[in-house]
All heavy atoms as atom14 arrays in JSON, in Angstrom:
{
  "sequence": "AKHEIAQNDENDDAEDILLNQPDPDKMFCVLVSIRSFLKFLSSH",
  "atom14_mask": [
    [1, 1, 1, 1, 1, 0, 0, 0, 0, 0, 0, 0, 0, 0],
    [1, 1, 1, 1, 1, 1, 1, 1, 1, 0, 0, 0, 0, 0],
    [1, 1, 1, 1, 1, 1, 1, 1, 1, 1, 0, 0, 0, 0],
    [1, 1, 1, 1, 1, 1, 1, 1, 1, 0, 0, 0, 0, 0],
    [1, 1, 1, 1, 1, 1, 1, 1, 0, 0, 0, 0, 0, 0],
    [1, 1, 1, 1, 1, 0, 0, 0, 0, 0, 0, 0, 0, 0],
    [1, 1, 1, 1, 1, 1, 1, 1, 1, 0, 0, 0, 0, 0],
    [1, 1, 1, 1, 1, 1, 1, 1, 0, 0, 0, 0, 0, 0],
    [1, 1, 1, 1, 1, 1, 1, 1, 0, 0, 0, 0, 0, 0],
    [1, 1, 1, 1, 1, 1, 1, 1, 1, 0, 0, 0, 0, 0],
    [1, 1, 1, 1, 1, 1, 1, 1, 0, 0, 0, 0, 0, 0],
    [1, 1, 1, 1, 1, 1, 1, 1, 0, 0, 0, 0, 0, 0],
    [1, 1, 1, 1, 1, 1, 1, 1, 0, 0, 0, 0, 0, 0],
    [1, 1, 1, 1, 1, 0, 0, 0, 0, 0, 0, 0, 0, 0],
    [1, 1, 1, 1, 1, 1, 1, 1, 1, 0, 0, 0, 0, 0],
    [1, 1, 1, 1, 1, 1, 1, 1, 0, 0, 0, 0, 0, 0],
    [1, 1, 1, 1, 1, 1, 1, 1, 0, 0, 0, 0, 0, 0],
    [1, 1, 1, 1, 1, 1, 1, 1, 0, 0, 0, 0, 0, 0],
    [1, 1, 1, 1, 1, 1, 1, 1, 0, 0, 0, 0, 0, 0],
    [1, 1, 1, 1, 1, 1, 1, 1, 0, 0, 0, 0, 0, 0],
    [1, 1, 1, 1, 1, 1, 1, 1, 1, 0, 0, 0, 0, 0],
    [1, 1, 1, 1, 1, 1, 1, 0, 0, 0, 0, 0, 0, 0],
    [1, 1, 1, 1, 1, 1, 1, 1, 0, 0, 0, 0, 0, 0],
    [1, 1, 1, 1, 1, 1, 1, 0, 0, 0, 0, 0, 0, 0],
    [1, 1, 1, 1, 1, 1, 1, 1, 0, 0, 0, 0, 0, 0],
    [1, 1, 1, 1, 1, 1, 1, 1, 1, 0, 0, 0, 0, 0],
    [1, 1, 1, 1, 1, 1, 1, 1, 0, 0, 0, 0, 0, 0],
    [1, 1, 1, 1, 1, 1, 1, 1, 1, 1, 1, 0, 0, 0],
    [1, 1, 1, 1, 1, 1, 0, 0, 0, 0, 0, 0, 0, 0],
    [1, 1, 1, 1, 1, 1, 1, 0, 0, 0, 0, 0, 0, 0],
    [1, 1, 1, 1, 1, 1, 1, 1, 0, 0, 0, 0, 0, 0],
    [1, 1, 1, 1, 1, 1, 1, 0, 0, 0, 0, 0, 0, 0],
    [1, 1, 1, 1, 1, 1, 0, 0, 0, 0, 0, 0, 0, 0],
    [1, 1, 1, 1, 1, 1, 1, 1, 0, 0, 0, 0, 0, 0],
    [1, 1, 1, 1, 1, 1, 1, 1, 1, 1, 1, 0, 0, 0],
    [1, 1, 1, 1, 1, 1, 0, 0, 0, 0, 0, 0, 0, 0],
    [1, 1, 1, 1, 1, 1, 1, 1, 1, 1, 1, 0, 0, 0],
    [1, 1, 1, 1, 1, 1, 1, 1, 0, 0, 0, 0, 0, 0],
    [1, 1, 1, 1, 1, 1, 1, 1, 1, 0, 0, 0, 0, 0],
    [1, 1, 1, 1, 1, 1, 1, 1, 1, 1, 1, 0, 0, 0],
    [1, 1, 1, 1, 1, 1, 1, 1, 0, 0, 0, 0, 0, 0],
    [1, 1, 1, 1, 1, 1, 0, 0, 0, 0, 0, 0, 0, 0],
    [1, 1, 1, 1, 1, 1, 0, 0, 0, 0, 0, 0, 0, 0],
    [1, 1, 1, 1, 1, 1, 1, 1, 1, 1, 0, 0, 0, 0]
  ],
  "atom14_positions": [
    [[91.04, 91.54, 36.31], [92.28, 91.95, 36.89], [93.41, 91.95, 35.74], [94.2, 92.76, 35.62], [92.67, 91.11, 37.95], [0.0, 0.0, 0.0], [0.0, 0.0, 0.0], [0.0, 0.0, 0.0], [0.0, 0.0, 0.0], [0.0, 0.0, 0.0], [0.0, 0.0, 0.0], [0.0, 0.0, 0.0], [0.0, 0.0, 0.0], [0.0, 0.0, 0.0]],
    [[93.45, 90.74, 35.1], [94.48, 90.71, 34.09], [94.32, 91.7, 32.92], [95.29, 92.24, 32.51], [94.4, 89.26, 33.43], [94.72, 88.14, 34.42], [94.64, 86.71, 33.61], [94.98, 85.61, 34.44], [94.94, 84.3, 33.89], [0.0, 0.0, 0.0], [0.0, 0.0, 0.0], [0.0, 0.0, 0.0], [0.0, 0.0, 0.0], [0.0, 0.0, 0.0]],
    [[93.16, 92.01, 32.64], [92.93, 93.02, 31.6], [93.42, 94.45, 32.11], [94.06, 95.14, 31.58], [91.41, 93.14, 31.26], [91.08, 94.28, 30.23], [91.5, 94.34, 29.09], [90.35, 95.26, 30.45], [91.05, 95.33, 28.38], [90.28, 96.06, 29.31], [0.0, 0.0, 0.0], [0.0, 0.0, 0.0], [0.0, 0.0, 0.0], [0.0, 0.0, 0.0]],
    [[93.11, 94.71, 33.41], [93.49, 95.95, 34.0], [94.98, 96.03, 34.03], [95.6, 97.13, 33.83], [92.87, 96.13, 35.35], [91.33, 96.25, 35.38], [90.79, 96.13, 36.75], [91.41, 95.87, 37.78], [89.41, 96.46, 36.87], [0.0, 0.0, 0.0], [0.0, 0.0, 0.0], [0.0, 0.0, 0.0], [0.0, 0.0, 0.0], [0.0, 0.0, 0.0]],
    [[95.59, 94.96, 34.45], [97.05, 94.92, 34.56], [97.71, 95.14, 33.21], [98.68, 95.98, 33.09], [97.64, 93.62, 35.08], [97.23, 93.5, 36.52], [99.11, 93.46, 35.03], [97.43, 92.1, 37.19], [0.0, 0.0, 0.0], [0.0, 0.0, 0.0], [0.0, 0.0, 0.0], [0.0, 0.0, 0.0], [0.0, 0.0, 0.0], [0.0, 0.0, 0.0]],
    [[97.16, 94.63, 32.2], [97.8, 94.78, 30.79], [97.67, 96.34, 30.4], [98.47, 96.85, 29.75], [96.96, 93.83, 29.8], [0.0, 0.0, 0.0], [0.0, 0.0, 0.0], [0.0, 0.0, 0.0], [0.0, 0.0, 0.0], [0.0, 0.0, 0.0], [0.0, 0.0, 0.0], [0.0, 0.0, 0.0], [0.0, 0.0, 0.0], [0.0, 0.0, 0.0]],
    [[96.53, 96.91, 30.71], [96.27, 98.24, 30.43], [97.24, 99.23, 31.07], [97.65, 100.19, 30.66], [94.9, 98.6, 30.82], [93.77, 98.18, 29.69], [92.48, 98.83, 30.04], [92.12, 99.1, 31.13], [91.71, 99.12, 29.0], [0.0, 0.0, 0.0], [0.0, 0.0, 0.0], [0.0, 0.0, 0.0], [0.0, 0.0, 0.0], [0.0, 0.0, 0.0]],
    [[97.68, 98.8, 32.34], [98.47, 99.74, 33.18], [99.97, 99.43, 33.18], [100.61, 100.04, 33.85], [97.95, 99.72, 34.51], [96.59, 100.47, 34.68], [96.51, 101.57, 34.78], [95.44, 99.66, 34.77], [0.0, 0.0, 0.0], [0.0, 0.0, 0.0], [0.0, 0.0, 0.0], [0.0, 0.0, 0.0], [0.0, 0.0, 0.0], [0.0, 0.0, 0.0]],
    [[100.33, 98.39, 32.34], [101.73, 97.94, 32.47], [102.72, 99.2, 32.07], [103.74, 99.41, 32.56], [101.93, 96.89, 31.34], [101.77, 95.54, 32.08], [101.9, 95.48, 33.16], [101.67, 94.56, 31.37], [0.0, 0.0, 0.0], [0.0, 0.0, 0.0], [0.0, 0.0, 0.0], [0.0, 0.0, 0.0], [0.0, 0.0, 0.0], [0.0, 0.0, 0.0]],
    [[102.18, 99.98, 31.04], [103.04, 101.15, 30.66], [103.12, 102.2, 31.71], [104.04, 102.96, 31.74], [102.41, 101.67, 29.32], [102.31, 100.76, 28.24], [101.74, 101.43, 26.93], [101.41, 102.64, 27.07], [101.68, 100.71, 25.92], [0.0, 0.0, 0.0], [0.0, 0.0, 0.0], [0.0, 0.0, 0.0], [0.0, 0.0, 0.0], [0.0, 0.0, 0.0]],
    [[102.4, 102.15, 32.59], [102.29, 103.15, 33.64], [102.83, 102.6, 35.04], [102.76, 103.27, 36.0], [100.88, 103.83, 33.94], [100.27, 104.33, 32.68], [101.06, 105.04, 31.99], [98.95, 104.25, 32.56], [0.0, 0.0, 0.0], [0.0, 0.0, 0.0], [0.0, 0.0, 0.0], [0.0, 0.0, 0.0], [0.0, 0.0, 0.0], [0.0, 0.0, 0.0]],
    [[103.34, 101.4, 34.88], [103.94, 100.88, 36.09], [103.03, 100.7, 37.24], [103.42, 100.79, 38.42], [105.18, 101.48, 36.58], [106.3, 101.56, 35.56], [106.31, 100.45, 34.81], [106.99, 102.57, 35.43], [0.0, 0.0, 0.0], [0.0, 0.0, 0.0], [0.0, 0.0, 0.0], [0.0, 0.0, 0.0], [0.0, 0.0, 0.0], [0.0, 0.0, 0.0]],
    [[101.61, 100.57, 36.93], [100.74, 100.41, 38.02], [100.17, 98.85, 38.34], [99.42, 98.81, 39.11], [99.42, 101.19, 37.67], [99.62, 102.69, 37.74], [100.64, 103.11, 38.35], [98.82, 103.43, 36.98], [0.0, 0.0, 0.0], [0.0, 0.0, 0.0], [0.0, 0.0, 0.0], [0.0, 0.0, 0.0], [0.0, 0.0, 0.0], [0.0, 0.0, 0.0]],
    [[100.88, 98.08, 37.62], [100.33, 96.69, 37.77], [100.61, 96.17, 39.13], [99.71, 95.42, 39.86], [101.16, 95.81, 36.77], [0.0, 0.0, 0.0], [0.0, 0.0, 0.0], [0.0, 0.0, 0.0], [0.0, 0.0, 0.0], [0.0, 0.0, 0.0], [0.0, 0.0, 0.0], [0.0, 0.0, 0.0], [0.0, 0.0, 0.0], [0.0, 0.0, 0.0]],
    [[101.73, 96.51, 39.75], [102.05, 96.04, 41.18], [100.95, 96.66, 42.16], [100.42, 95.99, 43.01], [103.42, 96.49, 41.72], [103.75, 96.02, 42.93], [105.25, 96.41, 43.27], [105.95, 96.9, 42.36], [105.59, 96.14, 44.49], [0.0, 0.0, 0.0], [0.0, 0.0, 0.0], [0.0, 0.0, 0.0], [0.0, 0.0, 0.0], [0.0, 0.0, 0.0]],
    [[100.52, 97.81, 42.03], [99.46, 98.52, 42.92], [98.26, 97.8, 42.7], [97.6, 97.48, 43.65], [99.46, 99.92, 42.51], [100.6, 100.77, 42.85], [101.31, 100.3, 43.77], [100.66, 101.86, 42.31], [0.0, 0.0, 0.0], [0.0, 0.0, 0.0], [0.0, 0.0, 0.0], [0.0, 0.0, 0.0], [0.0, 0.0, 0.0], [0.0, 0.0, 0.0]],
    [[97.8, 97.31, 41.48], [96.57, 96.65, 41.26], [96.59, 95.26, 42.0], [95.73, 94.86, 42.77], [96.29, 96.44, 39.8], [96.06, 97.79, 39.19], [95.08, 95.5, 39.57], [95.88, 97.68, 37.61], [0.0, 0.0, 0.0], [0.0, 0.0, 0.0], [0.0, 0.0, 0.0], [0.0, 0.0, 0.0], [0.0, 0.0, 0.0], [0.0, 0.0, 0.0]],
    [[97.74, 94.62, 41.92], [97.88, 93.32, 42.63], [97.79, 93.42, 43.97], [97.27, 92.61, 44.72], [99.24, 92.64, 42.18], [99.2, 92.1, 40.75], [100.65, 91.55, 40.44], [98.17, 90.96, 40.54], [0.0, 0.0, 0.0], [0.0, 0.0, 0.0], [0.0, 0.0, 0.0], [0.0, 0.0, 0.0], [0.0, 0.0, 0.0], [0.0, 0.0, 0.0]],
    [[98.4, 94.56, 44.65], [98.38, 94.73, 46.0], [96.97, 95.11, 46.46], [96.61, 94.79, 47.74], [99.44, 95.95, 46.43], [100.89, 95.52, 46.19], [101.7, 96.86, 46.45], [101.24, 94.55, 47.19], [0.0, 0.0, 0.0], [0.0, 0.0, 0.0], [0.0, 0.0, 0.0], [0.0, 0.0, 0.0], [0.0, 0.0, 0.0], [0.0, 0.0, 0.0]],
    [[96.14, 95.63, 45.7], [94.78, 95.97, 46.1], [93.84, 94.75, 46.03], [92.63, 95.01, 46.29], [94.28, 97.1, 45.3], [95.01, 98.5, 45.61], [95.44, 98.62, 46.76], [95.06, 99.39, 44.58], [0.0, 0.0, 0.0], [0.0, 0.0, 0.0], [0.0, 0.0, 0.0], [0.0, 0.0, 0.0], [0.0, 0.0, 0.0], [0.0, 0.0, 0.0]],
    [[94.28, 93.64, 45.47], [93.46, 92.54, 45.37], [93.02, 92.02, 46.85], [93.87, 91.91, 47.7], [94.0, 91.35, 44.64], [94.32, 91.74, 43.07], [93.0, 92.12, 42.35], [92.08, 91.38, 42.31], [93.14, 93.35, 41.74], [0.0, 0.0, 0.0], [0.0, 0.0, 0.0], [0.0, 0.0, 0.0], [0.0, 0.0, 0.0], [0.0, 0.0, 0.0]],
    [[91.73, 91.67, 47.01], [91.43, 91.21, 48.31], [92.03, 89.84, 48.6], [92.42, 89.01, 47.83], [89.89, 91.0, 48.36], [89.67, 90.89, 46.9], [90.74, 91.69, 46.09], [0.0, 0.0, 0.0], [0.0, 0.0, 0.0], [0.0, 0.0, 0.0], [0.0, 0.0, 0.0], [0.0, 0.0, 0.0], [0.0, 0.0, 0.0], [0.0, 0.0, 0.0]],
    [[92.03, 89.59, 49.99], [92.65, 88.16, 50.47], [91.71, 87.18, 49.74], [90.52, 87.06, 49.99], [92.47, 88.21, 51.98], [92.9, 86.81, 52.63], [93.13, 85.89, 51.88], [92.92, 86.69, 53.76], [0.0, 0.0, 0.0], [0.0, 0.0, 0.0], [0.0, 0.0, 0.0], [0.0, 0.0, 0.0], [0.0, 0.0, 0.0], [0.0, 0.0, 0.0]],
    [[92.33, 86.13, 49.1], [91.49, 85.23, 48.36], [90.74, 84.33, 49.27], [89.62, 83.72, 48.76], [92.46, 84.43, 47.56], [93.83, 84.7, 48.2], [93.77, 86.05, 48.79], [0.0, 0.0, 0.0], [0.0, 0.0, 0.0], [0.0, 0.0, 0.0], [0.0, 0.0, 0.0], [0.0, 0.0, 0.0], [0.0, 0.0, 0.0], [0.0, 0.0, 0.0]],
    [[91.04, 84.22, 50.52], [90.35, 83.38, 51.42], [89.27, 84.09, 52.27], [88.5, 83.37, 53.06], [91.32, 82.53, 52.31], [92.26, 81.59, 51.54], [91.79, 81.0, 50.64], [93.43, 81.61, 51.83], [0.0, 0.0, 0.0], [0.0, 0.0, 0.0], [0.0, 0.0, 0.0], [0.0, 0.0, 0.0], [0.0, 0.0, 0.0], [0.0, 0.0, 0.0]],
    [[89.26, 85.38, 52.15], [88.33, 86.13, 52.93], [86.92, 85.98, 52.42], [86.7, 86.16, 51.19], [88.65, 87.61, 52.92], [87.74, 88.53, 53.68], [88.07, 89.9, 53.71], [87.13, 90.81, 54.6], [87.53, 92.15, 54.6], [0.0, 0.0, 0.0], [0.0, 0.0, 0.0], [0.0, 0.0, 0.0], [0.0, 0.0, 0.0], [0.0, 0.0, 0.0]],
    [[85.94, 85.61, 53.24], [84.58, 85.45, 52.83], [83.84, 86.71, 52.87], [83.94, 87.48, 53.9], [83.86, 84.39, 53.67], [84.49, 82.97, 53.67], [84.47, 82.3, 52.13], [82.71, 81.84, 51.88], [0.0, 0.0, 0.0], [0.0, 0.0, 0.0], [0.0, 0.0, 0.0], [0.0, 0.0, 0.0], [0.0, 0.0, 0.0], [0.0, 0.0, 0.0]],
    [[83.08, 87.02, 51.75], [82.17, 88.17, 51.75], [80.68, 87.7, 51.8], [80.41, 86.61, 51.32], [82.39, 89.02, 50.53], [83.87, 89.6, 50.46], [84.71, 88.92, 49.69], [84.11, 90.76, 51.21], [86.09, 89.37, 49.79], [85.48, 91.14, 51.07], [86.39, 90.57, 50.47], [0.0, 0.0, 0.0], [0.0, 0.0, 0.0], [0.0, 0.0, 0.0]],
    [[79.86, 88.51, 52.46], [78.51, 88.01, 52.78], [77.42, 89.07, 52.43], [77.63, 90.24, 52.64], [78.36, 87.63, 54.2], [76.79, 87.07, 54.79], [0.0, 0.0, 0.0], [0.0, 0.0, 0.0], [0.0, 0.0, 0.0], [0.0, 0.0, 0.0], [0.0, 0.0, 0.0], [0.0, 0.0, 0.0], [0.0, 0.0, 0.0], [0.0, 0.0, 0.0]],
    [[76.32, 88.56, 51.93], [75.07, 89.41, 51.81], [73.89, 88.49, 52.4], [73.83, 87.35, 51.94], [74.85, 89.86, 50.35], [73.48, 90.53, 50.2], [76.0, 90.81, 49.9], [0.0, 0.0, 0.0], [0.0, 0.0, 0.0], [0.0, 0.0, 0.0], [0.0, 0.0, 0.0], [0.0, 0.0, 0.0], [0.0, 0.0, 0.0], [0.0, 0.0, 0.0]],
    [[73.1, 89.09, 53.19], [71.89, 88.51, 53.66], [70.8, 88.9, 52.86], [70.63, 90.18, 52.58], [71.52, 88.79, 55.0], [72.56, 88.51, 56.07], [72.09, 88.97, 57.52], [73.02, 87.07, 56.12], [0.0, 0.0, 0.0], [0.0, 0.0, 0.0], [0.0, 0.0, 0.0], [0.0, 0.0, 0.0], [0.0, 0.0, 0.0], [0.0, 0.0, 0.0]],
    [[69.98, 87.94, 52.22], [68.88, 88.32, 51.21], [67.57, 87.62, 51.77], [67.63, 86.6, 52.43], [69.15, 87.97, 49.81], [70.4, 88.74, 49.37], [69.41, 86.48, 49.63], [0.0, 0.0, 0.0], [0.0, 0.0, 0.0], [0.0, 0.0, 0.0], [0.0, 0.0, 0.0], [0.0, 0.0, 0.0], [0.0, 0.0, 0.0], [0.0, 0.0, 0.0]],
    [[66.44, 88.14, 51.29], [65.16, 87.51, 51.36], [65.25, 86.13, 50.65], [65.55, 86.14, 49.47], [64.11, 88.36, 51.06], [62.94, 87.69, 50.73], [0.0, 0.0, 0.0], [0.0, 0.0, 0.0], [0.0, 0.0, 0.0], [0.0, 0.0, 0.0], [0.0, 0.0, 0.0], [0.0, 0.0, 0.0], [0.0, 0.0, 0.0], [0.0, 0.0, 0.0]],
    [[64.82, 85.1, 51.34], [64.93, 83.77, 50.69], [63.88, 83.73, 49.52], [63.99, 83.09, 48.51], [64.78, 82.72, 51.79], [65.24, 81.41, 51.14], [63.27, 82.44, 52.07], [65.53, 80.31, 52.17], [0.0, 0.0, 0.0], [0.0, 0.0, 0.0], [0.0, 0.0, 0.0], [0.0, 0.0, 0.0], [0.0, 0.0, 0.0], [0.0, 0.0, 0.0]],
    [[62.74, 84.57, 49.68], [61.75, 84.52, 48.7], [62.28, 85.27, 47.49], [61.9, 84.8, 46.37], [60.6, 85.29, 49.21], [59.66, 84.35, 50.26], [58.36, 85.1, 50.68], [57.66, 84.18, 51.57], [56.48, 84.52, 52.04], [55.96, 85.67, 51.65], [55.78, 83.72, 52.77], [0.0, 0.0, 0.0], [0.0, 0.0, 0.0], [0.0, 0.0, 0.0]],
    [[63.04, 86.4, 47.69], [63.58, 87.14, 46.6], [64.55, 86.29, 45.82], [64.6, 86.27, 44.54], [64.33, 88.35, 47.13], [63.44, 89.32, 47.68], [0.0, 0.0, 0.0], [0.0, 0.0, 0.0], [0.0, 0.0, 0.0], [0.0, 0.0, 0.0], [0.0, 0.0, 0.0], [0.0, 0.0, 0.0], [0.0, 0.0, 0.0], [0.0, 0.0, 0.0]],
    [[65.28, 85.41, 46.64], [66.35, 84.61, 45.89], [65.65, 83.5, 45.13], [66.04, 83.13, 43.96], [67.21, 83.99, 46.94], [68.5, 83.54, 46.27], [69.54, 84.37, 45.7], [68.94, 82.17, 46.3], [70.61, 83.88, 45.16], [70.02, 81.63, 45.71], [70.87, 82.5, 45.19], [0.0, 0.0, 0.0], [0.0, 0.0, 0.0], [0.0, 0.0, 0.0]],
    [[64.53, 83.07, 45.6], [63.76, 82.13, 44.81], [63.15, 82.63, 43.51], [63.2, 81.93, 42.5], [62.64, 81.41, 45.63], [63.1, 80.33, 46.61], [62.02, 79.93, 47.63], [63.55, 79.05, 45.84], [0.0, 0.0, 0.0], [0.0, 0.0, 0.0], [0.0, 0.0, 0.0], [0.0, 0.0, 0.0], [0.0, 0.0, 0.0], [0.0, 0.0, 0.0]],
    [[62.73, 83.93, 43.56], [62.3, 84.56, 42.39], [63.44, 84.81, 41.31], [63.15, 84.48, 40.14], [61.65, 85.9, 42.73], [60.33, 85.76, 43.48], [59.67, 87.18, 43.77], [58.43, 87.09, 44.46], [57.32, 86.57, 43.72], [0.0, 0.0, 0.0], [0.0, 0.0, 0.0], [0.0, 0.0, 0.0], [0.0, 0.0, 0.0], [0.0, 0.0, 0.0]],
    [[64.51, 85.08, 41.8], [65.58, 84.99, 40.95], [65.91, 83.68, 40.32], [66.25, 83.7, 39.07], [66.92, 85.55, 41.63], [68.22, 85.05, 41.08], [68.73, 85.31, 39.76], [68.91, 83.96, 41.76], [69.87, 84.84, 39.31], [70.07, 83.42, 41.4], [70.56, 83.83, 40.04], [0.0, 0.0, 0.0], [0.0, 0.0, 0.0], [0.0, 0.0, 0.0]],
    [[65.77, 82.64, 41.2], [66.11, 81.33, 40.56], [65.19, 80.91, 39.48], [65.48, 79.89, 38.85], [66.22, 80.38, 41.73], [67.39, 80.49, 42.7], [67.06, 79.53, 43.91], [68.8, 80.16, 42.11], [0.0, 0.0, 0.0], [0.0, 0.0, 0.0], [0.0, 0.0, 0.0], [0.0, 0.0, 0.0], [0.0, 0.0, 0.0], [0.0, 0.0, 0.0]],
    [[64.07, 81.5, 39.37], [63.16, 81.19, 38.16], [63.76, 81.43, 36.87], [63.46, 80.97, 35.83], [61.98, 82.02, 38.28], [61.16, 81.8, 39.44], [0.0, 0.0, 0.0], [0.0, 0.0, 0.0], [0.0, 0.0, 0.0], [0.0, 0.0, 0.0], [0.0, 0.0, 0.0], [0.0, 0.0, 0.0], [0.0, 0.0, 0.0], [0.0, 0.0, 0.0]],
    [[64.91, 82.16, 36.85], [65.61, 82.44, 35.71], [66.36, 81.37, 35.19], [67.06, 81.42, 34.14], [66.57, 83.59, 35.69], [67.68, 83.36, 36.72], [0.0, 0.0, 0.0], [0.0, 0.0, 0.0], [0.0, 0.0, 0.0], [0.0, 0.0, 0.0], [0.0, 0.0, 0.0], [0.0, 0.0, 0.0], [0.0, 0.0, 0.0], [0.0, 0.0, 0.0]],
    [[66.41, 80.23, 35.94], [66.98, 79.0, 35.43], [66.45, 78.55, 33.97], [67.2, 77.75, 33.18], [66.81, 77.79, 36.42], [65.49, 77.22, 36.34], [65.08, 76.17, 35.53], [64.3, 77.44, 37.14], [63.87, 75.82, 35.75], [63.36, 76.57, 36.74], [0.0, 0.0, 0.0], [0.0, 0.0, 0.0], [0.0, 0.0, 0.0], [0.0, 0.0, 0.0]]
  ]
}
C-alpha cells in the first residue's frame, strides 16, 4: 500500500487507495484439505 500511495501521490489518488483498504478487523477465510496443507508444511 505504501509503495502504491507513493506512486500515486502526483495523481492525487492516495486518498482513494486508503479508502479501498479492507476493514483491518474483518476476517477472511479459505477452507482447504488438511492433507494438502500438511504437504505444503513439508516446505519447512
